[in-house]
Amino acid sequence: MLVSLHVKNLALIDEEEICFGEGLNIMTGETGAGKSIIIGSVNLALGAKADKELIRTGAEYALIELVFRLDGRQAQRLKEMEFFPEEDGTFMIQRKIMPARSVCKVCGETVGAKQLQEIAEVLIAIHGQHENQTLLQKKRHREILDDYAGKKVADCRKQVAAGYQEYMKLLKETEEGGMDEAARERDAALLRFEVKEIEEAGLTAGEDEELERDYRRMVNSRKIKEAAYGAYRLTGEDAGAGENIGRALREIRSVSSYDEALADLENMLGDIDNLLNDFNRQMADYLEGLEFDETEFVQTENRLNLLNHLKSKYGNHIEEVLAYKQQGEEKLSRLEHYEVYRQQLEEKLGKTRQELEESCGKLSGLRVKYAKELGKQLKQALQELNFMDVKFEIQVTPQPGHFSAEGYDDIEFMISTNKGERLKPLSQVASGGELSRIMLAFKTVLADKDEISSLIFDEIDTGISGKTAWKVSEKLGILGRNHQIICITHLPQIAAMSDVHFLIEKGAKKERTVTTIRQIAGEEDLRELARMLGGAEITDAALENAREMKELARNTKQY
């Protein structure tokens, strides 16, 4: 859940810290008080486009910080993305907006916009007019239905996707394999030449790397020989370091019996002498084998030239050249036995298509089953949101032969909100206010399947009032039992249902306009409800009405 929001130097906000609670968090205030800034700041922290004009006049930057408390599933998902919470289990997202740029950090680590979006999808969902509009997209209808159906449909979709991929691969191979006899013979002749060229080279995996090492040694043989002889002379026993260390060792041994402290030094020098002697002997062996054969050099150079020629044509490494040869042999076999190959390919394509058809049919059957179940629940939820004469169906229309990785179904939400009207696509019927309620109905029905624990509803009360507003309030209260809800509202019916109530106000501070937000309860809560219910003055009648509304909300939440 979202634990807190800290905002500094953003628009009319000087500096505010909001600590959210569980259940339904309601924000209210006069028109123009700055309610949209609060939700806007959350969007900014989660990667929305930032305008430098949002920085408060006179400030160098604006800062927004979100602190979340993770559940086990969220922690696991973020761990897979290599982001880890603090020791106390909190998870912080911070965004600093400056005139030239902005910086986003997650738990102190700078992240890009794409990463931030992926993280946000794990933590919180924001539902405003834009999100509601996604309900009008048919693609979204399929996603909602499949999410509701759960594991059975998910497993079936994986099977369909795998079958579709194999089918498209075979279909492409069939289309590419269609050629006349002359074209086949040209391709076969080229493949024979390529396969023969690689075969005659007698390649061995890793051969090129070994030859390059030998060639490099041969090219630099004179330098190697001069350096090796020099090192041998300087470490030998007849002159240089070997002779001097041997002399030093004899000197130490002649007096070590007189002082025990010299014993360790004698041992150390003895080890050095032994190591140097071993090195000198191995260097002598190396020099004996260091012979330069002109014939071997020419053979190595020619072999390398051949390998490099083949690699320039068939692959960057010998392994790739050998793989190219194997693929060429397979293609050549198909061309030389073309009719058999075509027959086998068409048989395989037909079998794969049949299996895909069966998988799509199974998926379609599951969707039809769950569409009826979900449609029934959504109709009831819509009726509870004061769509009294609503009809709602999820139409699943199979389209055999029109395959995709998601199956062959055309899925669309159909609705009628007025008695006697026929069902029409949701995009042709619902108004903005109705879409808000429909989205709320979906969220209520899908609450148990929704993995995101924190939901923000912006403009949920658009175009509603009276009894409908109370129905929406009840639904938000139900949703708040298992989710953290943050909601800005103008309606007292919704505000009365709050578990936590915040008041947003605009005033003057040091001769500057500022927006502030604070939590209210008790008498202040009632007075804010009375203000929303009444006119310019808060009367006793308005207060009594607010008290009754709060009591009604309390009783509603107990069921």
Protein backbone atom coordinates (compact mmCIF):
# COMPACT_ATOMS: atom_id res chain seq x y z
CA MET A 1 0.00 0.00 0.00
CA LEU A 2 0.99 3.65 -0.41
CA VAL A 3 2.19 4.78 3.01
CA SER A 4 3.03 8.42 2.33
CA LEU A 5 3.39 11.14 -0.28
CA HIS A 6 5.90 13.96 0.19
CA VAL A 7 5.67 16.95 -2.18
CA LYS A 8 7.96 19.99 -2.19
CA ASN A 9 7.99 23.09 -4.44
CA LEU A 10 5.36 21.78 -6.87
CA ALA A 11 2.90 24.32 -8.33
CA LEU A 12 1.05 25.85 -5.34
CA ILE A 13 2.47 23.36 -2.83
CA ASP A 14 5.30 24.62 -0.67
CA GLU A 15 5.95 21.38 1.21
CA GLU A 16 3.42 18.78 2.30
CA GLU A 17 3.58 15.24 3.69
CA ILE A 18 0.49 13.00 3.47
CA CYS A 19 0.31 9.75 5.43
CA PHE A 20 -2.35 7.48 3.92
CA GLY A 21 -4.25 4.78 5.77
CA GLU A 22 -5.84 1.48 4.87
CA GLY A 23 -9.29 1.30 3.30
CA LEU A 24 -10.96 4.30 1.68
CA ASN A 25 -8.88 7.51 1.71
CA ILE A 26 -11.01 10.47 0.63
CA MET A 27 -9.76 13.93 -0.42
CA THR A 28 -12.10 16.89 -0.56
CA GLY A 29 -11.86 20.65 -0.78
CA GLU A 30 -13.25 23.76 -2.45
CA THR A 31 -13.10 24.02 -6.24
CA GLY A 32 -9.67 25.35 -7.21
CA ALA A 33 -8.04 24.35 -3.92
CA GLY A 34 -5.52 22.18 -5.76
CA LYS A 35 -6.97 18.67 -5.47
CA SER A 36 -5.74 17.75 -8.95
CA ILE A 37 -2.17 18.63 -7.92
CA ILE A 38 -2.16 15.79 -5.39
CA ILE A 39 -3.06 13.07 -7.89
CA GLY A 40 -0.87 14.81 -10.47
CA SER A 41 2.12 14.59 -8.14
CA VAL A 42 1.67 10.80 -7.81
CA ASN A 43 1.56 10.53 -11.61
CA LEU A 44 4.72 12.62 -11.87
CA ALA A 45 6.55 10.41 -9.38
CA LEU A 46 5.59 7.41 -11.48
CA GLY A 47 7.05 8.86 -14.67
CA ALA A 48 4.45 11.20 -16.20
CA LYS A 49 5.78 13.98 -18.42
CA ALA A 50 7.09 16.83 -16.27
CA ASP A 51 6.93 20.49 -17.30
CA LYS A 52 9.46 22.88 -15.77
CA GLU A 53 6.56 25.30 -15.24
CA LEU A 54 5.39 23.00 -12.44
CA ILE A 55 8.36 24.07 -10.31
CA ARG A 56 7.18 26.58 -7.72
CA THR A 57 8.23 30.14 -8.57
CA GLY A 58 11.53 30.96 -6.91
CA ALA A 59 12.49 27.32 -6.26
CA GLU A 60 15.36 25.53 -7.98
CA TYR A 61 13.58 22.18 -8.19
CA ALA A 62 10.42 20.26 -7.31
CA LEU A 63 10.55 17.01 -5.35
CA ILE A 64 8.04 14.17 -5.03
CA GLU A 65 8.55 11.05 -2.91
CA LEU A 66 6.29 8.02 -2.64
CA VAL A 67 6.80 5.45 0.13
CA PHE A 68 5.13 2.03 -0.21
CA ARG A 69 4.82 -0.92 2.15
CA LEU A 70 5.11 -4.11 0.11
CA ASP A 71 3.22 -7.36 0.42
CA GLY A 72 4.96 -10.68 -0.31
CA ARG A 73 3.92 -10.85 -3.94
CA GLN A 74 5.06 -7.30 -4.68
CA ALA A 75 8.39 -7.86 -2.93
CA GLN A 76 8.98 -10.99 -5.03
CA ARG A 77 8.09 -9.26 -8.31
CA LEU A 78 10.41 -6.34 -7.54
CA LYS A 79 13.17 -8.72 -6.45
CA GLU A 80 12.94 -10.37 -9.88
CA MET A 81 13.47 -6.87 -11.32
CA GLU A 82 16.52 -6.51 -8.99
CA PHE A 83 14.95 -3.86 -6.74
CA PHE A 84 14.90 -4.48 -3.01
CA PRO A 85 13.00 -2.73 -0.16
CA GLU A 86 14.63 -1.12 2.86
CA GLU A 87 15.23 -3.20 6.00
CA ASP A 88 11.91 -2.02 7.46
CA GLY A 89 10.07 -3.27 4.34
CA THR A 90 9.40 0.16 2.83
CA PHE A 91 10.01 0.97 -0.82
CA MET A 92 10.68 4.56 -1.96
CA ILE A 93 10.26 6.20 -5.36
CA GLN A 94 11.68 9.71 -5.70
CA ARG A 95 11.57 12.20 -8.56
CA LYS A 96 13.43 15.49 -8.65
CA ILE A 97 12.23 17.90 -11.34
CA MET A 98 14.72 20.57 -12.43
CA PRO A 99 14.45 23.19 -15.21
CA ALA A 100 16.68 21.26 -17.62
CA ARG A 101 15.91 17.68 -16.65
CA SER A 102 14.43 15.37 -14.03
CA VAL A 103 15.95 12.47 -12.09
CA CYS A 104 14.00 9.38 -10.96
CA LYS A 105 15.32 7.16 -8.19
CA VAL A 106 14.03 3.89 -6.73
CA CYS A 107 15.46 3.00 -3.32
CA GLY A 108 18.33 5.42 -4.07
CA GLU A 109 19.13 3.94 -7.51
CA THR A 110 18.61 6.07 -10.63
CA VAL A 111 16.20 4.46 -13.11
CA GLY A 112 14.86 5.19 -16.58
CA ALA A 113 11.26 5.91 -17.53
CA LYS A 114 10.59 2.37 -18.81
CA GLN A 115 11.87 0.75 -15.61
CA LEU A 116 9.82 3.17 -13.52
CA GLN A 117 6.67 2.31 -15.45
CA GLU A 118 7.25 -1.43 -14.89
CA ILE A 119 7.75 -0.83 -11.16
CA ALA A 120 4.62 1.33 -10.94
CA GLU A 121 2.52 -1.43 -12.52
CA VAL A 122 3.42 -3.67 -9.57
CA LEU A 123 2.60 -1.09 -6.90
CA ILE A 124 -0.43 1.01 -7.81
CA ALA A 125 -3.19 1.56 -10.39
CA ILE A 126 -4.54 5.02 -11.24
CA HIS A 127 -8.01 5.22 -12.75
CA GLY A 128 -8.96 8.50 -14.36
CA GLN A 129 -10.79 9.45 -17.54
CA HIS A 130 -7.94 8.08 -19.67
CA GLU A 131 -8.00 4.69 -17.94
CA ASN A 132 -11.77 4.55 -18.26
CA GLN A 133 -11.43 5.11 -22.00
CA THR A 134 -9.48 1.83 -22.30
CA LEU A 135 -12.78 0.06 -21.61
CA LEU A 136 -13.82 1.14 -25.10
CA GLN A 137 -10.97 -0.83 -26.71
CA LYS A 138 -11.94 -4.34 -27.83
CA LYS A 139 -8.41 -5.62 -27.16
CA ARG A 140 -8.88 -4.64 -23.52
CA HIS A 141 -12.15 -6.63 -23.39
CA ARG A 142 -10.27 -9.84 -24.19
CA GLU A 143 -7.61 -9.07 -21.57
CA ILE A 144 -10.24 -8.44 -18.86
CA LEU A 145 -12.12 -11.65 -19.64
CA ASP A 146 -8.94 -13.76 -19.75
CA ASP A 147 -7.66 -12.24 -16.49
CA TYR A 148 -10.98 -13.07 -14.84
CA ALA A 149 -10.91 -16.65 -16.12
CA GLY A 150 -7.50 -17.22 -14.55
CA LYS A 151 -5.18 -20.21 -14.85
CA LYS A 152 -7.28 -22.45 -17.12
CA VAL A 153 -7.48 -19.82 -19.85
CA ALA A 154 -3.87 -18.73 -19.26
CA ASP A 155 -2.62 -22.30 -19.80
CA CYS A 156 -4.79 -22.69 -22.89
CA ARG A 157 -3.53 -19.39 -24.29
CA LYS A 158 0.07 -20.58 -23.92
CA GLN A 159 -0.82 -23.70 -25.90
CA VAL A 160 -2.52 -21.59 -28.59
CA ALA A 161 0.44 -19.18 -28.79
CA ALA A 162 2.92 -22.06 -29.20
CA GLY A 163 0.74 -23.70 -31.85
CA TYR A 164 0.28 -20.43 -33.70
CA GLN A 165 4.03 -19.80 -33.77
CA GLU A 166 4.67 -23.29 -35.19
CA TYR A 167 1.85 -22.88 -37.72
CA MET A 168 3.18 -19.52 -38.98
CA LYS A 169 6.70 -20.96 -39.24
CA LEU A 170 5.48 -23.86 -41.38
CA LEU A 171 3.25 -21.56 -43.44
CA LYS A 172 6.23 -19.31 -44.19
CA GLU A 173 8.36 -22.34 -45.07
CA THR A 174 5.62 -23.58 -47.42
CA GLU A 175 5.36 -20.20 -49.17
CA GLU A 176 9.14 -19.87 -49.50
CA GLY A 177 9.47 -23.45 -50.75
CA GLY A 178 7.24 -22.89 -53.76
CA MET A 179 9.63 -22.61 -56.79
CA ASP A 180 9.91 -23.94 -60.32
CA GLU A 181 12.34 -26.65 -61.40
CA ALA A 182 14.89 -24.22 -62.87
CA ALA A 183 15.04 -22.20 -59.65
CA ARG A 184 15.40 -25.38 -57.60
CA GLU A 185 18.29 -26.54 -59.77
CA ARG A 186 20.06 -23.16 -59.43
CA ASP A 187 19.71 -23.24 -55.66
CA ALA A 188 20.83 -26.86 -55.52
CA ALA A 189 23.93 -26.15 -57.65
CA LEU A 190 24.96 -23.29 -55.37
CA LEU A 191 24.41 -25.40 -52.24
CA ARG A 192 26.47 -28.28 -53.70
CA PHE A 193 29.35 -25.90 -54.36
CA GLU A 194 29.19 -24.39 -50.87
CA VAL A 195 28.91 -27.73 -49.07
CA LYS A 196 31.81 -29.17 -51.14
CA GLU A 197 33.99 -26.11 -50.49
CA ILE A 198 33.52 -26.41 -46.73
CA GLU A 199 33.80 -30.20 -46.76
CA GLU A 200 37.11 -30.21 -48.67
CA ALA A 201 38.61 -27.81 -46.13
CA GLY A 202 38.34 -30.53 -43.44
CA LEU A 203 37.56 -28.04 -40.68
CA THR A 204 37.94 -28.73 -36.97
CA ALA A 205 36.17 -26.63 -34.31
CA GLY A 206 38.64 -24.23 -32.64
CA GLU A 207 41.28 -24.83 -35.31
CA ASP A 208 41.43 -21.18 -36.36
CA GLU A 209 42.22 -19.96 -32.84
CA GLU A 210 45.04 -22.48 -32.45
CA LEU A 211 46.51 -21.57 -35.86
CA GLU A 212 46.36 -17.86 -35.06
CA ARG A 213 48.35 -18.49 -31.88
CA ASP A 214 50.98 -20.49 -33.81
CA TYR A 215 51.12 -17.87 -36.57
CA ARG A 216 51.54 -15.04 -34.08
CA ARG A 217 54.40 -16.98 -32.44
CA MET A 218 56.12 -17.64 -35.77
CA VAL A 219 55.82 -14.03 -36.98
CA ASN A 220 57.40 -12.82 -33.73
CA SER A 221 59.90 -15.69 -33.42
CA ARG A 222 63.02 -13.46 -33.64
CA LYS A 223 61.77 -11.16 -30.85
CA ILE A 224 60.78 -14.18 -28.75
CA LYS A 225 64.19 -15.84 -29.24
CA GLU A 226 66.18 -12.71 -28.35
CA ALA A 227 64.07 -12.05 -25.22
CA ALA A 228 64.23 -15.70 -24.09
CA TYR A 229 68.03 -15.92 -24.50
CA GLY A 230 68.41 -12.64 -22.64
CA ALA A 231 66.29 -13.88 -19.71
CA TYR A 232 68.27 -17.16 -19.69
CA ARG A 233 71.61 -15.37 -19.49
CA LEU A 234 70.48 -12.97 -16.75
CA THR A 235 69.23 -15.81 -14.53
CA GLY A 236 71.92 -18.39 -15.28
CA GLU A 237 74.38 -19.88 -12.78
CA ASP A 238 77.50 -18.86 -14.73
CA ALA A 239 76.61 -15.16 -14.82
CA GLY A 240 73.89 -12.79 -13.68
CA ALA A 241 71.25 -13.27 -11.00
CA GLY A 242 71.77 -17.02 -10.50
CA GLU A 243 75.45 -16.67 -9.72
CA ASN A 244 74.91 -13.71 -7.38
CA ILE A 245 72.10 -15.40 -5.44
CA GLY A 246 74.20 -18.57 -5.08
CA ARG A 247 77.10 -16.51 -3.74
CA ALA A 248 74.78 -14.69 -1.32
CA LEU A 249 73.36 -17.98 -0.07
CA ARG A 250 76.86 -19.34 0.63
CA GLU A 251 77.73 -16.18 2.59
CA ILE A 252 74.60 -16.48 4.79
CA ARG A 253 75.19 -20.19 5.44
CA SER A 254 78.72 -19.53 6.65
CA VAL A 255 77.42 -17.46 9.59
CA SER A 256 73.83 -18.64 10.21
CA SER A 257 74.96 -21.03 12.94
CA TYR A 258 76.09 -18.04 15.02
CA ASP A 259 72.67 -16.28 15.02
CA GLU A 260 69.28 -18.03 14.95
CA ALA A 261 67.70 -14.92 13.42
CA LEU A 262 69.60 -15.61 10.19
CA ALA A 263 67.99 -19.08 9.79
CA ASP A 264 64.72 -17.72 8.37
CA LEU A 265 66.57 -15.43 6.00
CA GLU A 266 68.70 -18.38 4.84
CA ASN A 267 65.54 -20.41 4.13
CA MET A 268 63.97 -17.55 2.17
CA LEU A 269 67.07 -17.08 0.04
CA GLY A 270 67.28 -20.86 -0.48
CA ASP A 271 63.71 -20.86 -1.83
CA ILE A 272 64.57 -18.01 -4.20
CA ASP A 273 67.65 -19.89 -5.40
CA ASN A 274 65.60 -23.06 -6.06
CA LEU A 275 62.88 -21.13 -7.92
CA LEU A 276 65.44 -19.33 -10.06
CA ASN A 277 67.20 -22.59 -10.89
CA ASP A 278 63.86 -24.20 -11.86
CA PHE A 279 63.03 -21.20 -14.04
CA ASN A 280 66.45 -21.33 -15.72
CA ARG A 281 66.15 -25.05 -16.49
CA GLN A 282 62.63 -24.65 -17.96
CA MET A 283 63.82 -21.70 -20.04
CA ALA A 284 66.66 -23.86 -21.40
CA ASP A 285 64.12 -26.53 -22.41
CA TYR A 286 61.97 -23.87 -24.07
CA LEU A 287 64.94 -22.56 -26.07
CA GLU A 288 65.81 -26.04 -27.31
CA GLY A 289 62.30 -26.37 -28.79
CA LEU A 290 62.29 -22.86 -30.23
CA GLU A 291 63.01 -23.66 -33.85
CA PHE A 292 61.67 -21.71 -36.84
CA ASP A 293 60.66 -23.84 -39.84
CA GLU A 294 60.01 -21.76 -42.97
CA THR A 295 57.93 -24.56 -44.54
CA GLU A 296 55.72 -24.84 -41.44
CA PHE A 297 55.28 -21.06 -41.45
CA VAL A 298 54.07 -21.05 -45.09
CA GLN A 299 51.69 -23.96 -44.42
CA THR A 300 50.23 -22.20 -41.35
CA GLU A 301 49.80 -18.94 -43.26
CA ASN A 302 48.07 -20.65 -46.19
CA ARG A 303 45.78 -22.59 -43.88
CA LEU A 304 44.80 -19.42 -42.04
CA ASN A 305 44.06 -17.66 -45.32
CA LEU A 306 41.73 -20.53 -46.31
CA LEU A 307 39.92 -20.46 -42.98
CA ASN A 308 39.52 -16.69 -43.08
CA HIS A 309 38.15 -16.93 -46.61
CA LEU A 310 35.53 -19.47 -45.49
CA LYS A 311 34.64 -17.41 -42.42
CA SER A 312 34.16 -14.31 -44.57
CA LYS A 313 31.55 -16.25 -46.60
CA TYR A 314 29.84 -18.53 -44.10
CA GLY A 315 30.30 -17.32 -40.49
CA ASN A 316 32.52 -15.53 -38.01
CA HIS A 317 33.77 -18.74 -36.39
CA ILE A 318 34.58 -22.27 -37.55
CA GLU A 319 31.57 -23.51 -35.56
CA GLU A 320 29.30 -21.19 -37.57
CA VAL A 321 30.85 -22.35 -40.86
CA LEU A 322 30.22 -25.99 -39.90
CA ALA A 323 26.64 -25.12 -38.89
CA TYR A 324 26.16 -23.41 -42.28
CA LYS A 325 27.39 -26.60 -43.98
CA GLN A 326 24.90 -28.72 -42.01
CA GLN A 327 22.01 -26.38 -42.88
CA GLY A 328 23.13 -26.43 -46.52
CA GLU A 329 23.12 -30.22 -46.57
CA GLU A 330 19.58 -30.24 -45.16
CA LYS A 331 18.36 -27.71 -47.75
CA LEU A 332 20.11 -29.64 -50.52
CA SER A 333 18.43 -32.86 -49.40
CA ARG A 334 15.04 -31.14 -49.52
CA LEU A 335 15.69 -29.79 -53.02
CA GLU A 336 16.94 -33.13 -54.32
CA HIS A 337 13.86 -34.87 -52.89
CA TYR A 338 11.55 -31.91 -53.44
CA GLU A 339 8.26 -33.71 -54.00
CA VAL A 340 8.68 -35.83 -50.88
CA TYR A 341 9.68 -32.73 -48.90
CA ARG A 342 6.65 -30.76 -50.13
CA GLN A 343 4.29 -33.58 -49.31
CA GLN A 344 5.72 -33.98 -45.79
CA LEU A 345 5.61 -30.21 -45.24
CA GLU A 346 2.00 -29.93 -46.34
CA GLU A 347 1.02 -32.88 -44.16
CA LYS A 348 2.79 -31.30 -41.19
CA LEU A 349 1.17 -27.94 -41.91
CA GLY A 350 -2.27 -29.54 -42.11
CA LYS A 351 -1.76 -31.40 -38.84
CA THR A 352 -0.47 -28.26 -37.10
CA ARG A 353 -3.42 -26.24 -38.40
CA GLN A 354 -5.85 -28.88 -37.11
CA GLU A 355 -4.17 -28.89 -33.69
CA LEU A 356 -4.27 -25.07 -33.64
CA GLU A 357 -7.96 -25.11 -34.59
CA GLU A 358 -8.65 -27.52 -31.71
CA SER A 359 -6.66 -25.40 -29.23
CA CYS A 360 -8.47 -22.25 -30.34
CA GLY A 361 -11.79 -24.07 -30.03
CA LYS A 362 -10.97 -25.17 -26.50
CA LEU A 363 -9.92 -21.62 -25.59
CA SER A 364 -13.09 -20.22 -27.15
CA GLY A 365 -15.23 -22.65 -25.15
CA LEU A 366 -13.61 -21.56 -21.90
CA ARG A 367 -14.11 -17.91 -22.82
CA VAL A 368 -17.80 -18.46 -23.56
CA LYS A 369 -18.22 -20.14 -20.18
CA TYR A 370 -16.46 -17.41 -18.21
CA ALA A 371 -18.05 -14.63 -20.31
CA LYS A 372 -21.49 -15.73 -19.11
CA GLU A 373 -20.29 -15.89 -15.51
CA LEU A 374 -18.51 -12.51 -15.60
CA GLY A 375 -21.33 -10.85 -17.57
CA LYS A 376 -23.87 -11.94 -14.95
CA GLN A 377 -21.75 -10.56 -12.09
CA LEU A 378 -21.12 -7.28 -13.92
CA LYS A 379 -24.81 -6.83 -14.65
CA GLN A 380 -25.57 -7.21 -10.94
CA ALA A 381 -22.76 -4.81 -10.00
CA LEU A 382 -24.05 -2.24 -12.50
CA GLN A 383 -27.58 -2.54 -11.10
CA GLU A 384 -26.16 -1.88 -7.65
CA LEU A 385 -24.59 1.29 -9.11
CA ASN A 386 -28.05 2.51 -10.12
CA PHE A 387 -28.13 1.22 -13.68
CA MET A 388 -31.65 0.00 -13.00
CA ASP A 389 -32.64 -1.28 -16.46
CA VAL A 390 -29.17 -2.31 -17.58
CA LYS A 391 -28.43 -5.29 -19.78
CA PHE A 392 -24.85 -6.42 -20.12
CA GLU A 393 -23.29 -9.24 -22.08
CA ILE A 394 -19.81 -10.27 -23.13
CA GLN A 395 -20.05 -11.50 -26.69
CA VAL A 396 -17.49 -14.13 -27.68
CA THR A 397 -17.65 -14.68 -31.44
CA PRO A 398 -15.42 -17.47 -32.80
CA GLN A 399 -13.88 -16.75 -36.20
CA PRO A 400 -12.37 -20.07 -37.34
CA GLY A 401 -9.42 -19.61 -39.65
CA HIS A 402 -8.61 -16.11 -38.39
CA PHE A 403 -5.81 -17.25 -36.14
CA SER A 404 -3.64 -15.16 -33.82
CA ALA A 405 -1.46 -15.86 -30.81
CA GLU A 406 -4.56 -15.09 -28.64
CA GLY A 407 -6.90 -17.44 -30.47
CA TYR A 408 -9.59 -16.70 -33.04
CA ASP A 409 -12.25 -15.04 -30.88
CA ASP A 410 -13.71 -11.59 -31.39
CA ILE A 411 -14.67 -10.37 -27.89
CA GLU A 412 -16.72 -7.27 -27.15
CA PHE A 413 -18.64 -5.83 -24.21
CA MET A 414 -22.27 -5.13 -25.10
CA ILE A 415 -24.55 -2.93 -22.99
CA SER A 416 -27.96 -1.32 -22.88
CA THR A 417 -28.57 1.24 -20.15
CA ASN A 418 -32.18 2.06 -21.03
CA LYS A 419 -35.26 -0.15 -20.94
CA GLY A 420 -36.35 -1.37 -24.37
CA GLU A 421 -33.04 -0.54 -26.06
CA ARG A 422 -31.12 -3.32 -27.76
CA LEU A 423 -27.59 -4.26 -26.75
CA LYS A 424 -24.90 -2.17 -28.43
CA PRO A 425 -21.11 -2.07 -28.20
CA LEU A 426 -19.95 -0.30 -25.05
CA SER A 427 -18.11 2.31 -27.15
CA GLN A 428 -21.39 3.43 -28.74
CA VAL A 429 -23.40 3.79 -25.55
CA ALA A 430 -21.50 4.82 -22.42
CA SER A 431 -20.99 8.46 -21.48
CA GLY A 432 -18.07 9.71 -19.39
CA GLY A 433 -19.97 9.43 -16.12
CA GLU A 434 -21.29 6.00 -17.01
CA LEU A 435 -17.79 4.81 -17.88
CA SER A 436 -16.59 5.80 -14.40
CA ARG A 437 -19.30 3.66 -12.82
CA ILE A 438 -18.71 0.78 -15.23
CA MET A 439 -15.00 0.83 -14.37
CA LEU A 440 -15.91 0.78 -10.68
CA ALA A 441 -18.21 -2.19 -11.31
CA PHE A 442 -15.35 -4.04 -12.99
CA LYS A 443 -12.97 -3.25 -10.15
CA THR A 444 -15.50 -4.45 -7.57
CA VAL A 445 -16.19 -7.73 -9.37
CA LEU A 446 -12.51 -8.36 -10.08
CA ALA A 447 -11.31 -7.25 -6.64
CA ASP A 448 -10.34 -10.75 -5.50
CA LYS A 449 -8.31 -11.31 -8.67
CA ASP A 450 -6.65 -7.87 -8.73
CA GLU A 451 -3.05 -8.22 -7.56
CA ILE A 452 -2.52 -4.46 -7.13
CA SER A 453 -3.44 -3.48 -3.59
CA SER A 454 -3.52 0.34 -4.03
CA LEU A 455 -6.02 2.03 -6.37
CA ILE A 456 -6.45 5.73 -7.09
CA PHE A 457 -9.77 6.95 -8.51
CA ASP A 458 -9.71 10.38 -10.08
CA GLU A 459 -13.02 11.90 -11.25
CA ILE A 460 -14.98 8.81 -10.18
CA ASP A 461 -17.96 11.09 -9.42
CA THR A 462 -18.10 12.66 -12.91
CA GLY A 463 -21.71 13.17 -14.01
CA ILE A 464 -23.42 11.53 -11.01
CA SER A 465 -25.44 12.75 -8.03
CA GLY A 466 -28.18 11.76 -5.62
CA LYS A 467 -29.00 8.08 -5.29
CA THR A 468 -26.38 7.09 -7.88
CA ALA A 469 -23.71 8.86 -5.85
CA TRP A 470 -24.68 6.86 -2.79
CA LYS A 471 -24.51 3.62 -4.77
CA VAL A 472 -21.01 4.53 -5.97
CA SER A 473 -20.09 5.32 -2.37
CA GLU A 474 -21.25 1.88 -1.24
CA LYS A 475 -19.18 0.20 -3.94
CA LEU A 476 -16.06 2.15 -2.97
CA GLY A 477 -16.64 1.08 0.62
CA ILE A 478 -16.84 -2.57 -0.45
CA LEU A 479 -13.71 -2.26 -2.57
CA GLY A 480 -11.91 -0.63 0.35
CA ARG A 481 -12.29 -3.79 2.45
CA ASN A 482 -9.51 -5.55 0.50
CA HIS A 483 -7.76 -2.63 -1.19
CA GLN A 484 -6.34 0.74 -0.31
CA ILE A 485 -8.45 3.29 -2.19
CA ILE A 486 -7.44 6.94 -2.69
CA CYS A 487 -10.23 9.04 -4.14
CA ILE A 488 -10.79 12.75 -4.81
CA THR A 489 -14.46 13.66 -4.75
CA HIS A 490 -16.91 16.58 -4.78
CA LEU A 491 -19.78 14.48 -3.46
CA PRO A 492 -20.71 14.23 0.26
CA GLN A 493 -22.20 10.76 -0.27
CA ILE A 494 -18.75 9.43 -1.25
CA ALA A 495 -16.87 11.49 1.35
CA ALA A 496 -19.11 10.12 4.12
CA MET A 497 -17.87 6.58 3.39
CA SER A 498 -14.24 7.50 4.13
CA ASP A 499 -12.01 5.57 6.50
CA VAL A 500 -9.51 8.42 6.32
CA HIS A 501 -10.51 11.95 5.27
CA PHE A 502 -8.11 14.64 3.98
CA LEU A 503 -9.03 18.29 3.49
CA ILE A 504 -7.27 20.24 0.73
CA GLU A 505 -7.25 24.01 1.20
CA LYS A 506 -5.80 27.04 -0.56
CA GLY A 507 -4.63 30.03 1.43
CA ALA A 508 -1.89 32.63 1.82
CA LYS A 509 1.50 32.15 3.46
CA LYS A 510 4.04 34.98 3.57
CA GLU A 511 2.04 36.82 0.90
CA ARG A 512 2.04 33.79 -1.42
CA THR A 513 -0.76 31.39 -2.35
CA VAL A 514 -0.21 27.86 -1.09
CA THR A 515 -2.15 24.59 -1.21
CA THR A 516 -2.15 22.56 2.01
CA ILE A 517 -3.57 19.17 2.92
CA ARG A 518 -4.32 17.74 6.34
CA GLN A 519 -6.21 14.82 7.83
CA ILE A 520 -9.51 15.64 9.52
CA ALA A 521 -11.81 13.63 11.77
CA GLY A 522 -14.66 14.06 14.23
CA GLU A 523 -16.28 17.47 14.19
CA GLU A 524 -14.06 18.75 11.37
CA ASP A 525 -15.08 15.80 9.23
CA LEU A 526 -18.76 16.60 9.85
CA ARG A 527 -18.28 20.29 9.06
CA GLU A 528 -16.59 19.43 5.74
CA LEU A 529 -19.49 17.11 4.85
CA ALA A 530 -21.93 19.87 5.83
CA ARG A 531 -20.06 22.31 3.57
CA MET A 532 -20.37 19.87 0.68
CA LEU A 533 -24.07 19.42 1.41
CA GLY A 534 -25.04 23.02 1.99
CA GLY A 535 -24.56 26.52 0.73
CA ALA A 536 -22.38 29.43 1.79
CA GLU A 537 -22.96 28.90 5.53
CA ILE A 538 -22.80 25.70 7.56
CA THR A 539 -26.17 25.48 9.33
CA ASP A 540 -27.29 23.21 12.13
CA ALA A 541 -29.52 21.42 9.64
CA ALA A 542 -26.58 20.78 7.34
CA LEU A 543 -24.53 19.46 10.29
CA GLU A 544 -27.35 17.16 11.31
CA ASN A 545 -27.69 15.94 7.75
CA ALA A 546 -23.94 15.27 7.65
CA ARG A 547 -24.14 13.35 10.94
CA GLU A 548 -26.97 11.18 9.57
CA MET A 549 -25.03 10.56 6.34
CA LYS A 550 -21.92 9.53 8.29
CA GLU A 551 -23.96 7.18 10.48
CA LEU A 552 -25.62 5.64 7.41
CA ALA A 553 -22.18 5.09 5.85
CA ARG A 554 -20.92 3.48 9.06
CA ASN A 555 -23.86 1.09 9.13
CA THR A 556 -23.42 0.26 5.43
CA LYS A 557 -19.76 -0.68 5.94
CA GLN A 558 -20.66 -3.11 8.69
CA TYR A 559 -22.51 -5.39 6.25
